Amino acid sequence: MRGRAGFTVNDPLALNEITPGFAAGTSLPIPAEAVRLSYLVSALNAPVNGRNATVMLALTQGGGWHLAAVRDGDTDAAYAGRATVGTLVFNEPQIRGWYQLKLTTVEPLNDQARQGLDGRSSVSLSDYQKLLKARYADKLPGSEYDTTGLSGGYGPVATTENTSSSTPALVGGSSAALALAGGVFALRRRRNTGA
């Protein structure tokens, strides 16, 4: 019998994504309506088979969190960890753009986000909404683009309102996935010995 593949994860961080209403231009350009929590993410505290991986947790209907995915690399956790007191970090999943929101100013954190802001170093949340509306308004769920099968339409990978404990775990091509395939997947949350 194979040994147990055990490792610990770092403290989970919020992975926020833009909301469909904000992208459609139907929500107000305020932080509470622009982004929402999609997942908690946590990078493994040590590589598995020489590769980094990130665990993604989704909200279970009725409360609590469940394993939703294991992604290769630690990009999600690295960017989510850049949030500070008074700022919010969020993802525009369609372009893999990462942004930081400071009050009502959006700043890019990676090249994809800079391209998403047309090369600008920052824009107002209202101007960012206009850019999103131009990119996605005709691709939202129910649009012709969506219903004709040209794409999956716009939408976060998961929502906190309608996920359930029966949602299957999605495992990407990471070394952590190999550990899953090889036997028992043991997650132990690292105890925080600090404050």
N, C-alpha and C. Protein backbone atom coordinates (compact mmCIF):
# COMPACT_ATOMS: atom_id res chain seq x y z
N MET A 1 0.84 -1.19 0.00
CA MET A 1 0.00 0.00 0.00
C MET A 1 0.88 1.24 0.00
N ARG A 2 0.51 2.22 -0.77
CA ARG A 2 1.29 3.44 -0.87
C ARG A 2 1.17 4.26 0.39
N GLY A 3 2.22 5.03 0.66
CA GLY A 3 2.19 5.94 1.80
C GLY A 3 1.26 7.10 1.53
N ARG A 4 0.88 7.73 2.57
CA ARG A 4 -0.02 8.88 2.48
C ARG A 4 0.75 10.10 1.98
N ALA A 5 0.20 10.81 1.01
CA ALA A 5 0.82 12.05 0.52
C ALA A 5 0.34 13.18 1.40
N GLY A 6 1.17 13.60 2.32
CA GLY A 6 0.74 14.63 3.26
C GLY A 6 1.55 15.90 3.09
N PHE A 7 0.90 17.02 3.25
CA PHE A 7 1.55 18.33 3.23
C PHE A 7 0.62 19.31 3.89
N THR A 8 1.13 20.45 4.22
CA THR A 8 0.31 21.48 4.85
C THR A 8 0.10 22.63 3.88
N VAL A 9 -0.92 23.42 4.14
CA VAL A 9 -1.19 24.60 3.34
C VAL A 9 -1.03 25.83 4.20
N ASN A 10 -0.68 26.92 3.57
CA ASN A 10 -0.58 28.19 4.28
C ASN A 10 -1.98 28.71 4.59
N ASP A 11 -2.05 29.73 5.42
CA ASP A 11 -3.35 30.31 5.76
C ASP A 11 -4.07 30.76 4.50
N PRO A 12 -5.37 30.47 4.38
CA PRO A 12 -6.11 30.83 3.17
C PRO A 12 -6.25 32.34 2.98
N LEU A 13 -6.29 32.74 1.73
CA LEU A 13 -6.44 34.14 1.34
C LEU A 13 -7.67 34.28 0.45
N ALA A 14 -8.26 35.46 0.43
CA ALA A 14 -9.44 35.70 -0.40
C ALA A 14 -9.04 35.87 -1.86
N LEU A 15 -9.72 35.14 -2.73
CA LEU A 15 -9.57 35.33 -4.17
C LEU A 15 -10.87 35.98 -4.65
N ASN A 16 -10.78 37.26 -4.97
CA ASN A 16 -11.93 38.04 -5.41
C ASN A 16 -11.93 38.14 -6.93
N GLU A 17 -13.12 38.16 -7.52
CA GLU A 17 -13.27 38.32 -8.96
C GLU A 17 -14.35 39.36 -9.25
N ILE A 18 -14.31 39.93 -10.44
CA ILE A 18 -15.31 40.91 -10.84
C ILE A 18 -16.68 40.23 -10.93
N THR A 19 -17.72 40.99 -10.68
CA THR A 19 -19.08 40.44 -10.74
C THR A 19 -19.66 40.63 -12.14
N PRO A 20 -20.57 39.75 -12.55
CA PRO A 20 -21.20 39.92 -13.86
C PRO A 20 -21.95 41.25 -13.98
N GLY A 21 -22.62 41.68 -12.91
CA GLY A 21 -23.35 42.95 -12.95
C GLY A 21 -22.44 44.14 -13.16
N PHE A 22 -21.27 44.10 -12.55
CA PHE A 22 -20.30 45.17 -12.73
C PHE A 22 -19.79 45.17 -14.17
N ALA A 23 -19.48 43.98 -14.70
CA ALA A 23 -19.01 43.89 -16.09
C ALA A 23 -20.08 44.34 -17.07
N ALA A 24 -21.34 44.09 -16.74
CA ALA A 24 -22.45 44.49 -17.64
C ALA A 24 -22.76 45.97 -17.54
N GLY A 25 -22.26 46.62 -16.51
CA GLY A 25 -22.55 48.04 -16.31
C GLY A 25 -23.85 48.28 -15.58
N THR A 26 -24.45 47.22 -15.00
CA THR A 26 -25.73 47.38 -14.30
C THR A 26 -25.56 47.60 -12.81
N SER A 27 -24.36 47.33 -12.28
CA SER A 27 -24.07 47.58 -10.87
C SER A 27 -23.37 48.92 -10.72
N LEU A 28 -23.49 49.49 -9.55
CA LEU A 28 -22.79 50.74 -9.28
C LEU A 28 -21.29 50.52 -9.25
N PRO A 29 -20.51 51.51 -9.66
CA PRO A 29 -19.05 51.37 -9.62
C PRO A 29 -18.51 51.63 -8.22
N ILE A 30 -18.89 50.76 -7.30
CA ILE A 30 -18.40 50.82 -5.93
C ILE A 30 -17.82 49.46 -5.57
N PRO A 31 -16.83 49.41 -4.69
CA PRO A 31 -16.17 48.13 -4.40
C PRO A 31 -17.13 47.00 -4.02
N ALA A 32 -18.15 47.29 -3.23
CA ALA A 32 -19.07 46.23 -2.77
C ALA A 32 -19.84 45.58 -3.91
N GLU A 33 -20.02 46.29 -5.02
CA GLU A 33 -20.76 45.73 -6.15
C GLU A 33 -19.84 45.33 -7.31
N ALA A 34 -18.59 45.76 -7.25
CA ALA A 34 -17.66 45.48 -8.35
C ALA A 34 -17.03 44.10 -8.25
N VAL A 35 -16.71 43.67 -7.04
CA VAL A 35 -16.02 42.39 -6.86
C VAL A 35 -16.69 41.58 -5.77
N ARG A 36 -16.46 40.27 -5.84
CA ARG A 36 -16.98 39.39 -4.80
C ARG A 36 -15.98 38.27 -4.55
N LEU A 37 -16.09 37.70 -3.38
CA LEU A 37 -15.26 36.57 -3.01
C LEU A 37 -15.69 35.34 -3.81
N SER A 38 -14.75 34.74 -4.53
CA SER A 38 -15.05 33.55 -5.31
C SER A 38 -14.50 32.29 -4.65
N TYR A 39 -13.29 32.39 -4.11
CA TYR A 39 -12.62 31.25 -3.48
C TYR A 39 -11.78 31.74 -2.32
N LEU A 40 -11.36 30.80 -1.51
CA LEU A 40 -10.20 30.99 -0.64
C LEU A 40 -9.09 30.19 -1.31
N VAL A 41 -7.90 30.75 -1.34
CA VAL A 41 -6.77 30.05 -1.96
C VAL A 41 -5.64 29.95 -0.96
N SER A 42 -4.89 28.88 -1.09
CA SER A 42 -3.75 28.67 -0.21
C SER A 42 -2.68 27.90 -0.95
N ALA A 43 -1.49 28.48 -0.98
CA ALA A 43 -0.36 27.77 -1.59
C ALA A 43 0.13 26.71 -0.61
N LEU A 44 0.61 25.62 -1.16
CA LEU A 44 1.22 24.61 -0.30
C LEU A 44 2.46 25.22 0.33
N ASN A 45 2.77 24.82 1.56
CA ASN A 45 3.91 25.45 2.22
C ASN A 45 5.25 24.91 1.74
N ALA A 46 5.23 23.89 0.90
CA ALA A 46 6.46 23.34 0.31
C ALA A 46 6.09 22.69 -1.01
N PRO A 47 7.01 22.69 -1.97
CA PRO A 47 6.71 22.04 -3.26
C PRO A 47 6.45 20.55 -3.09
N VAL A 48 5.65 19.99 -3.98
CA VAL A 48 5.42 18.55 -4.05
C VAL A 48 6.05 18.08 -5.36
N ASN A 49 6.95 17.13 -5.28
CA ASN A 49 7.68 16.66 -6.45
C ASN A 49 8.32 17.82 -7.21
N GLY A 50 8.80 18.80 -6.47
CA GLY A 50 9.50 19.93 -7.07
C GLY A 50 8.62 20.99 -7.70
N ARG A 51 7.30 20.89 -7.53
CA ARG A 51 6.40 21.86 -8.15
C ARG A 51 5.50 22.51 -7.09
N ASN A 52 5.24 23.79 -7.28
CA ASN A 52 4.33 24.50 -6.40
C ASN A 52 2.89 24.23 -6.81
N ALA A 53 1.98 24.33 -5.86
CA ALA A 53 0.57 24.13 -6.15
C ALA A 53 -0.25 24.99 -5.23
N THR A 54 -1.47 25.29 -5.65
CA THR A 54 -2.40 26.09 -4.86
C THR A 54 -3.70 25.32 -4.67
N VAL A 55 -4.18 25.29 -3.45
CA VAL A 55 -5.45 24.66 -3.13
C VAL A 55 -6.52 25.74 -3.18
N MET A 56 -7.65 25.44 -3.82
CA MET A 56 -8.75 26.39 -3.90
C MET A 56 -9.94 25.82 -3.15
N LEU A 57 -10.51 26.63 -2.26
CA LEU A 57 -11.66 26.23 -1.46
C LEU A 57 -12.87 27.06 -1.86
N ALA A 58 -14.01 26.41 -2.05
CA ALA A 58 -15.25 27.11 -2.40
C ALA A 58 -16.23 27.00 -1.24
N LEU A 59 -17.09 27.98 -1.13
CA LEU A 59 -18.08 28.00 -0.07
C LEU A 59 -19.10 26.90 -0.30
N THR A 60 -19.39 26.16 0.75
CA THR A 60 -20.40 25.11 0.69
C THR A 60 -21.73 25.71 1.10
N GLN A 61 -22.79 25.34 0.38
CA GLN A 61 -24.12 25.86 0.72
C GLN A 61 -24.43 25.49 2.16
N GLY A 62 -24.85 26.47 2.92
CA GLY A 62 -25.14 26.23 4.33
C GLY A 62 -23.96 26.56 5.24
N GLY A 63 -22.82 26.93 4.66
CA GLY A 63 -21.67 27.31 5.46
C GLY A 63 -20.53 26.33 5.33
N GLY A 64 -19.35 26.79 5.64
CA GLY A 64 -18.16 25.97 5.53
C GLY A 64 -17.55 26.04 4.14
N TRP A 65 -16.43 25.38 3.98
CA TRP A 65 -15.67 25.40 2.74
C TRP A 65 -15.31 23.99 2.34
N HIS A 66 -15.19 23.74 1.03
CA HIS A 66 -14.79 22.43 0.54
C HIS A 66 -13.73 22.60 -0.54
N LEU A 67 -12.96 21.54 -0.76
CA LEU A 67 -11.94 21.56 -1.79
C LEU A 67 -12.60 21.66 -3.15
N ALA A 68 -12.25 22.70 -3.90
CA ALA A 68 -12.83 22.91 -5.23
C ALA A 68 -11.84 22.59 -6.34
N ALA A 69 -10.55 22.83 -6.09
CA ALA A 69 -9.56 22.60 -7.14
C ALA A 69 -8.17 22.62 -6.55
N VAL A 70 -7.25 22.05 -7.29
CA VAL A 70 -5.83 22.16 -7.01
C VAL A 70 -5.20 22.65 -8.30
N ARG A 71 -4.55 23.79 -8.23
CA ARG A 71 -3.95 24.38 -9.44
C ARG A 71 -2.45 24.29 -9.38
N ASP A 72 -1.87 24.10 -10.54
CA ASP A 72 -0.42 24.10 -10.67
C ASP A 72 0.08 25.52 -10.45
N GLY A 73 1.14 25.68 -9.69
CA GLY A 73 1.74 26.98 -9.44
C GLY A 73 1.12 27.68 -8.24
N ASP A 74 1.67 28.84 -7.94
CA ASP A 74 1.19 29.59 -6.77
C ASP A 74 0.79 31.02 -7.11
N THR A 75 0.48 31.27 -8.38
CA THR A 75 0.14 32.62 -8.82
C THR A 75 -1.06 33.19 -8.09
N ASP A 76 -2.14 32.41 -7.98
CA ASP A 76 -3.35 32.91 -7.32
C ASP A 76 -3.06 33.35 -5.90
N ALA A 77 -2.37 32.52 -5.15
CA ALA A 77 -2.07 32.86 -3.76
C ALA A 77 -1.09 34.03 -3.67
N ALA A 78 -0.12 34.08 -4.58
CA ALA A 78 0.86 35.17 -4.54
C ALA A 78 0.18 36.52 -4.76
N TYR A 79 -0.72 36.59 -5.76
CA TYR A 79 -1.41 37.86 -5.98
C TYR A 79 -2.42 38.16 -4.89
N ALA A 80 -3.18 37.17 -4.45
CA ALA A 80 -4.15 37.40 -3.38
C ALA A 80 -3.46 37.90 -2.12
N GLY A 81 -2.23 37.47 -1.89
CA GLY A 81 -1.46 37.89 -0.72
C GLY A 81 -0.98 39.32 -0.79
N ARG A 82 -1.17 40.00 -1.90
CA ARG A 82 -0.73 41.40 -2.02
C ARG A 82 -1.76 42.40 -1.50
N ALA A 83 -2.90 41.90 -1.06
CA ALA A 83 -3.89 42.80 -0.46
C ALA A 83 -3.34 43.32 0.86
N THR A 84 -3.62 44.57 1.15
CA THR A 84 -3.18 45.19 2.40
C THR A 84 -4.39 45.80 3.08
N VAL A 85 -4.16 46.31 4.27
CA VAL A 85 -5.25 47.01 4.96
C VAL A 85 -5.66 48.20 4.09
N GLY A 86 -6.92 48.29 3.75
CA GLY A 86 -7.41 49.39 2.93
C GLY A 86 -7.36 49.14 1.44
N THR A 87 -6.86 47.98 1.01
CA THR A 87 -6.86 47.66 -0.41
C THR A 87 -7.51 46.29 -0.62
N LEU A 88 -7.91 46.04 -1.85
CA LEU A 88 -8.54 44.79 -2.23
C LEU A 88 -7.88 44.33 -3.52
N VAL A 89 -7.47 43.07 -3.57
CA VAL A 89 -6.90 42.51 -4.78
C VAL A 89 -7.96 41.65 -5.43
N PHE A 90 -8.09 41.76 -6.76
CA PHE A 90 -9.08 40.96 -7.46
C PHE A 90 -8.55 40.53 -8.82
N ASN A 91 -9.24 39.54 -9.38
CA ASN A 91 -8.85 38.93 -10.63
C ASN A 91 -9.91 39.16 -11.69
N GLU A 92 -9.46 39.44 -12.90
CA GLU A 92 -10.35 39.45 -14.07
C GLU A 92 -10.03 38.15 -14.80
N PRO A 93 -10.78 37.07 -14.51
CA PRO A 93 -10.37 35.73 -14.94
C PRO A 93 -10.21 35.56 -16.44
N GLN A 94 -10.98 36.27 -17.23
CA GLN A 94 -10.95 36.07 -18.68
C GLN A 94 -9.59 36.40 -19.28
N ILE A 95 -8.88 37.36 -18.70
CA ILE A 95 -7.57 37.73 -19.23
C ILE A 95 -6.45 37.39 -18.24
N ARG A 96 -6.81 36.79 -17.11
CA ARG A 96 -5.87 36.49 -16.03
C ARG A 96 -5.17 37.76 -15.53
N GLY A 97 -5.94 38.84 -15.54
CA GLY A 97 -5.43 40.11 -15.04
C GLY A 97 -5.65 40.23 -13.55
N TRP A 98 -4.64 40.70 -12.85
CA TRP A 98 -4.71 40.93 -11.40
C TRP A 98 -4.60 42.42 -11.13
N TYR A 99 -5.49 42.90 -10.27
CA TYR A 99 -5.58 44.33 -9.98
C TYR A 99 -5.64 44.56 -8.48
N GLN A 100 -5.25 45.77 -8.09
CA GLN A 100 -5.42 46.20 -6.71
C GLN A 100 -6.36 47.38 -6.70
N LEU A 101 -7.35 47.33 -5.83
CA LEU A 101 -8.33 48.40 -5.71
C LEU A 101 -8.02 49.20 -4.44
N LYS A 102 -7.71 50.48 -4.62
CA LYS A 102 -7.44 51.39 -3.50
C LYS A 102 -8.55 52.43 -3.51
N LEU A 103 -9.47 52.30 -2.57
CA LEU A 103 -10.67 53.12 -2.53
C LEU A 103 -11.44 52.94 -3.83
N THR A 104 -11.33 53.90 -4.75
CA THR A 104 -12.01 53.74 -6.04
C THR A 104 -11.03 53.84 -7.21
N THR A 105 -9.77 53.50 -6.96
CA THR A 105 -8.74 53.52 -8.00
C THR A 105 -8.26 52.10 -8.26
N VAL A 106 -8.25 51.70 -9.52
CA VAL A 106 -7.83 50.36 -9.93
C VAL A 106 -6.42 50.46 -10.50
N GLU A 107 -5.50 49.64 -9.97
CA GLU A 107 -4.12 49.60 -10.44
C GLU A 107 -3.77 48.20 -10.90
N PRO A 108 -3.06 48.06 -12.01
CA PRO A 108 -2.70 46.73 -12.51
C PRO A 108 -1.55 46.13 -11.70
N LEU A 109 -1.58 44.80 -11.54
CA LEU A 109 -0.50 44.11 -10.83
C LEU A 109 0.31 43.20 -11.75
N ASN A 110 -0.18 42.94 -12.97
CA ASN A 110 0.59 42.12 -13.90
C ASN A 110 0.41 42.66 -15.32
N ASP A 111 1.13 42.07 -16.26
CA ASP A 111 1.10 42.55 -17.65
C ASP A 111 -0.30 42.45 -18.27
N GLN A 112 -1.01 41.36 -17.97
CA GLN A 112 -2.36 41.20 -18.52
C GLN A 112 -3.28 42.32 -18.04
N ALA A 113 -3.14 42.70 -16.77
CA ALA A 113 -3.95 43.79 -16.23
C ALA A 113 -3.57 45.12 -16.86
N ARG A 114 -2.27 45.35 -17.08
CA ARG A 114 -1.85 46.59 -17.74
C ARG A 114 -2.44 46.68 -19.14
N GLN A 115 -2.45 45.55 -19.85
CA GLN A 115 -3.07 45.53 -21.18
C GLN A 115 -4.58 45.78 -21.05
N GLY A 116 -5.19 45.23 -20.00
CA GLY A 116 -6.62 45.42 -19.76
C GLY A 116 -6.99 46.86 -19.47
N LEU A 117 -6.01 47.64 -18.99
CA LEU A 117 -6.23 49.07 -18.73
C LEU A 117 -5.66 49.91 -19.86
N ASP A 118 -5.42 49.28 -20.99
CA ASP A 118 -4.87 49.97 -22.17
C ASP A 118 -3.55 50.66 -21.87
N GLY A 119 -2.73 50.03 -21.02
CA GLY A 119 -1.40 50.55 -20.72
C GLY A 119 -1.34 51.60 -19.64
N ARG A 120 -2.48 52.00 -19.10
CA ARG A 120 -2.48 53.03 -18.05
C ARG A 120 -2.04 52.45 -16.71
N SER A 121 -1.44 53.29 -15.88
CA SER A 121 -0.96 52.84 -14.57
C SER A 121 -2.07 52.78 -13.53
N SER A 122 -3.18 53.44 -13.80
CA SER A 122 -4.35 53.36 -12.92
C SER A 122 -5.54 54.00 -13.62
N VAL A 123 -6.73 53.57 -13.20
CA VAL A 123 -7.97 54.18 -13.68
C VAL A 123 -8.95 54.21 -12.52
N SER A 124 -9.97 55.03 -12.65
CA SER A 124 -11.02 55.04 -11.63
C SER A 124 -11.84 53.76 -11.77
N LEU A 125 -12.51 53.37 -10.71
CA LEU A 125 -13.36 52.18 -10.77
C LEU A 125 -14.46 52.36 -11.83
N SER A 126 -14.95 53.57 -11.97
CA SER A 126 -15.96 53.86 -12.98
C SER A 126 -15.41 53.66 -14.39
N ASP A 127 -14.18 54.14 -14.64
CA ASP A 127 -13.57 53.96 -15.96
C ASP A 127 -13.25 52.48 -16.22
N TYR A 128 -12.85 51.76 -15.17
CA TYR A 128 -12.59 50.33 -15.32
C TYR A 128 -13.88 49.61 -15.71
N GLN A 129 -14.99 50.01 -15.11
CA GLN A 129 -16.27 49.40 -15.45
C GLN A 129 -16.60 49.63 -16.92
N LYS A 130 -16.30 50.81 -17.43
CA LYS A 130 -16.56 51.08 -18.85
C LYS A 130 -15.72 50.18 -19.75
N LEU A 131 -14.46 49.94 -19.36
CA LEU A 131 -13.61 49.04 -20.12
C LEU A 131 -14.18 47.61 -20.11
N LEU A 132 -14.63 47.18 -18.93
CA LEU A 132 -15.21 45.83 -18.82
C LEU A 132 -16.48 45.71 -19.64
N LYS A 133 -17.32 46.73 -19.57
CA LYS A 133 -18.58 46.68 -20.32
C LYS A 133 -18.29 46.55 -21.81
N ALA A 134 -17.30 47.27 -22.31
CA ALA A 134 -16.93 47.18 -23.73
C ALA A 134 -16.42 45.78 -24.08
N ARG A 135 -15.72 45.13 -23.13
CA ARG A 135 -15.17 43.80 -23.39
C ARG A 135 -16.20 42.69 -23.26
N TYR A 136 -17.12 42.80 -22.28
CA TYR A 136 -17.93 41.64 -21.91
C TYR A 136 -19.45 41.81 -22.00
N ALA A 137 -19.96 43.00 -22.15
CA ALA A 137 -21.42 43.19 -22.09
C ALA A 137 -22.16 42.32 -23.09
N ASP A 138 -21.57 42.09 -24.26
CA ASP A 138 -22.25 41.27 -25.26
C ASP A 138 -21.91 39.78 -25.14
N LYS A 139 -21.20 39.41 -24.05
CA LYS A 139 -20.79 38.02 -23.87
C LYS A 139 -21.31 37.43 -22.56
N LEU A 140 -22.21 38.14 -21.90
CA LEU A 140 -22.73 37.68 -20.62
C LEU A 140 -23.68 36.50 -20.80
N PRO A 141 -23.93 35.74 -19.74
CA PRO A 141 -24.89 34.64 -19.85
C PRO A 141 -26.22 35.11 -20.42
N GLY A 142 -26.74 34.34 -21.38
CA GLY A 142 -28.00 34.69 -22.03
C GLY A 142 -27.82 35.52 -23.29
N SER A 143 -26.61 36.05 -23.51
CA SER A 143 -26.37 36.84 -24.72
C SER A 143 -26.30 35.90 -25.92
N GLU A 144 -26.37 36.47 -27.12
CA GLU A 144 -26.26 35.66 -28.34
C GLU A 144 -24.91 34.94 -28.37
N TYR A 145 -23.87 35.64 -27.94
CA TYR A 145 -22.52 35.05 -27.89
C TYR A 145 -22.52 33.80 -27.03
N ASP A 146 -23.22 33.87 -25.90
CA ASP A 146 -23.30 32.74 -24.97
C ASP A 146 -24.20 31.63 -25.52
N THR A 147 -25.39 32.00 -25.96
CA THR A 147 -26.38 30.98 -26.35
C THR A 147 -26.04 30.27 -27.66
N THR A 148 -25.21 30.89 -28.51
CA THR A 148 -24.83 30.22 -29.76
C THR A 148 -23.61 29.32 -29.57
N GLY A 149 -23.10 29.26 -28.35
CA GLY A 149 -22.00 28.35 -28.06
C GLY A 149 -20.64 28.85 -28.48
N LEU A 150 -20.50 30.16 -28.73
CA LEU A 150 -19.19 30.69 -29.11
C LEU A 150 -18.22 30.66 -27.95
N SER A 151 -18.76 30.68 -26.74
CA SER A 151 -17.92 30.67 -25.55
C SER A 151 -18.79 30.25 -24.39
N GLY A 152 -18.16 30.12 -23.25
CA GLY A 152 -18.91 29.83 -22.04
C GLY A 152 -19.62 31.06 -21.53
N GLY A 153 -19.47 32.19 -22.22
CA GLY A 153 -20.05 33.43 -21.72
C GLY A 153 -19.22 33.96 -20.56
N TYR A 154 -19.61 35.08 -20.04
CA TYR A 154 -18.89 35.64 -18.91
C TYR A 154 -19.45 35.10 -17.61
N GLY A 155 -18.59 34.82 -16.70
CA GLY A 155 -19.03 34.42 -15.36
C GLY A 155 -17.85 33.91 -14.57
N PRO A 156 -17.81 34.18 -13.27
CA PRO A 156 -16.74 33.64 -12.45
C PRO A 156 -16.79 32.11 -12.47
N VAL A 157 -15.69 31.51 -12.14
CA VAL A 157 -15.59 30.06 -12.15
C VAL A 157 -16.58 29.45 -11.19
N ALA A 158 -16.80 30.09 -10.06
CA ALA A 158 -17.77 29.59 -9.08
C ALA A 158 -18.37 30.78 -8.36
N THR A 159 -19.54 30.58 -7.81
CA THR A 159 -20.15 31.63 -7.02
C THR A 159 -20.35 31.13 -5.61
N THR A 160 -20.39 32.06 -4.68
CA THR A 160 -20.56 31.65 -3.30
C THR A 160 -22.02 31.41 -2.98
N GLU A 161 -22.95 31.86 -3.83
CA GLU A 161 -24.36 31.69 -3.53
C GLU A 161 -24.88 30.30 -3.83
N ASN A 162 -24.36 29.65 -4.88
CA ASN A 162 -25.01 28.41 -5.30
C ASN A 162 -24.09 27.20 -5.38
N THR A 163 -22.93 27.26 -4.75
CA THR A 163 -22.10 26.06 -4.73
C THR A 163 -22.63 25.13 -3.67
N SER A 164 -22.41 23.85 -3.86
CA SER A 164 -22.90 22.90 -2.88
C SER A 164 -21.81 21.89 -2.56
N SER A 165 -22.03 21.14 -1.52
CA SER A 165 -21.04 20.15 -1.12
C SER A 165 -20.93 19.03 -2.14
N SER A 166 -21.87 18.94 -3.06
CA SER A 166 -21.79 17.90 -4.09
C SER A 166 -20.98 18.34 -5.29
N THR A 167 -20.47 19.59 -5.28
CA THR A 167 -19.65 20.07 -6.38
C THR A 167 -18.40 19.21 -6.48
N PRO A 168 -18.10 18.65 -7.64
CA PRO A 168 -16.93 17.78 -7.75
C PRO A 168 -15.64 18.58 -7.64
N ALA A 169 -14.63 17.96 -7.11
CA ALA A 169 -13.31 18.59 -7.04
C ALA A 169 -12.71 18.58 -8.44
N LEU A 170 -12.22 19.72 -8.87
CA LEU A 170 -11.57 19.83 -10.16
C LEU A 170 -10.08 19.82 -9.93
N VAL A 171 -9.38 18.90 -10.51
CA VAL A 171 -7.95 18.78 -10.27
C VAL A 171 -7.22 19.07 -11.55
N GLY A 172 -6.37 20.09 -11.51
CA GLY A 172 -5.60 20.47 -12.68
C GLY A 172 -4.35 19.62 -12.82
N GLY A 173 -3.50 20.00 -13.76
CA GLY A 173 -2.29 19.23 -14.04
C GLY A 173 -1.15 19.62 -13.13
N SER A 174 -1.27 19.40 -11.88
CA SER A 174 -0.20 19.75 -10.95
C SER A 174 0.34 18.51 -10.28
N SER A 175 1.47 18.69 -9.62
CA SER A 175 2.03 17.57 -8.88
C SER A 175 1.14 17.20 -7.71
N ALA A 176 0.39 18.17 -7.20
CA ALA A 176 -0.56 17.84 -6.14
C ALA A 176 -1.63 16.91 -6.67
N ALA A 177 -1.98 17.07 -7.94
CA ALA A 177 -2.96 16.17 -8.54
C ALA A 177 -2.39 14.76 -8.62
N LEU A 178 -1.10 14.65 -8.87
CA LEU A 178 -0.48 13.34 -8.88
C LEU A 178 -0.56 12.69 -7.51
N ALA A 179 -0.40 13.51 -6.47
CA ALA A 179 -0.53 12.98 -5.12
C ALA A 179 -1.95 12.49 -4.88
N LEU A 180 -2.93 13.23 -5.41
CA LEU A 180 -4.31 12.80 -5.28
C LEU A 180 -4.54 11.46 -5.97
N ALA A 181 -3.98 11.31 -7.16
CA ALA A 181 -4.18 10.08 -7.92
C ALA A 181 -3.48 8.90 -7.27
N GLY A 182 -2.40 9.19 -6.55
CA GLY A 182 -1.62 8.12 -5.97
C GLY A 182 -2.12 7.60 -4.65
N GLY A 183 -3.02 8.26 -4.03
CA GLY A 183 -3.49 7.77 -2.74
C GLY A 183 -4.29 8.81 -2.01
N VAL A 184 -4.13 8.84 -0.74
CA VAL A 184 -4.92 9.72 0.11
C VAL A 184 -4.33 11.11 0.09
N PHE A 185 -5.18 12.10 -0.01
CA PHE A 185 -4.77 13.50 -0.06
C PHE A 185 -5.01 14.09 1.32
N ALA A 186 -3.97 14.33 2.06
CA ALA A 186 -4.12 14.80 3.43
C ALA A 186 -3.78 16.27 3.50
N LEU A 187 -4.73 17.06 3.85
CA LEU A 187 -4.51 18.50 4.04
C LEU A 187 -4.52 18.79 5.52
N ARG A 188 -3.49 19.41 5.96
CA ARG A 188 -3.45 19.84 7.34
C ARG A 188 -3.18 21.34 7.32
N ARG A 189 -4.08 22.08 7.86
CA ARG A 189 -3.91 23.53 7.87
C ARG A 189 -2.83 23.89 8.86
N ARG A 190 -1.88 24.69 8.41
CA ARG A 190 -0.78 25.11 9.26
C ARG A 190 -1.35 25.93 10.40
N ARG A 191 -0.92 25.60 11.58
CA ARG A 191 -1.36 26.37 12.75
C ARG A 191 -0.62 27.68 12.78
N ASN A 192 -1.35 28.73 13.02
CA ASN A 192 -0.75 30.06 13.08
C ASN A 192 -0.21 30.27 14.48
N THR A 193 1.10 30.36 14.57
CA THR A 193 1.73 30.53 15.88
C THR A 193 1.93 31.99 16.22
N GLY A 194 1.59 32.87 15.28
CA GLY A 194 1.73 34.30 15.52
C GLY A 194 0.54 34.84 16.26
N ALA A 195 0.33 36.15 16.09
CA ALA A 195 -0.76 36.83 16.80
C ALA A 195 -2.11 36.30 16.41
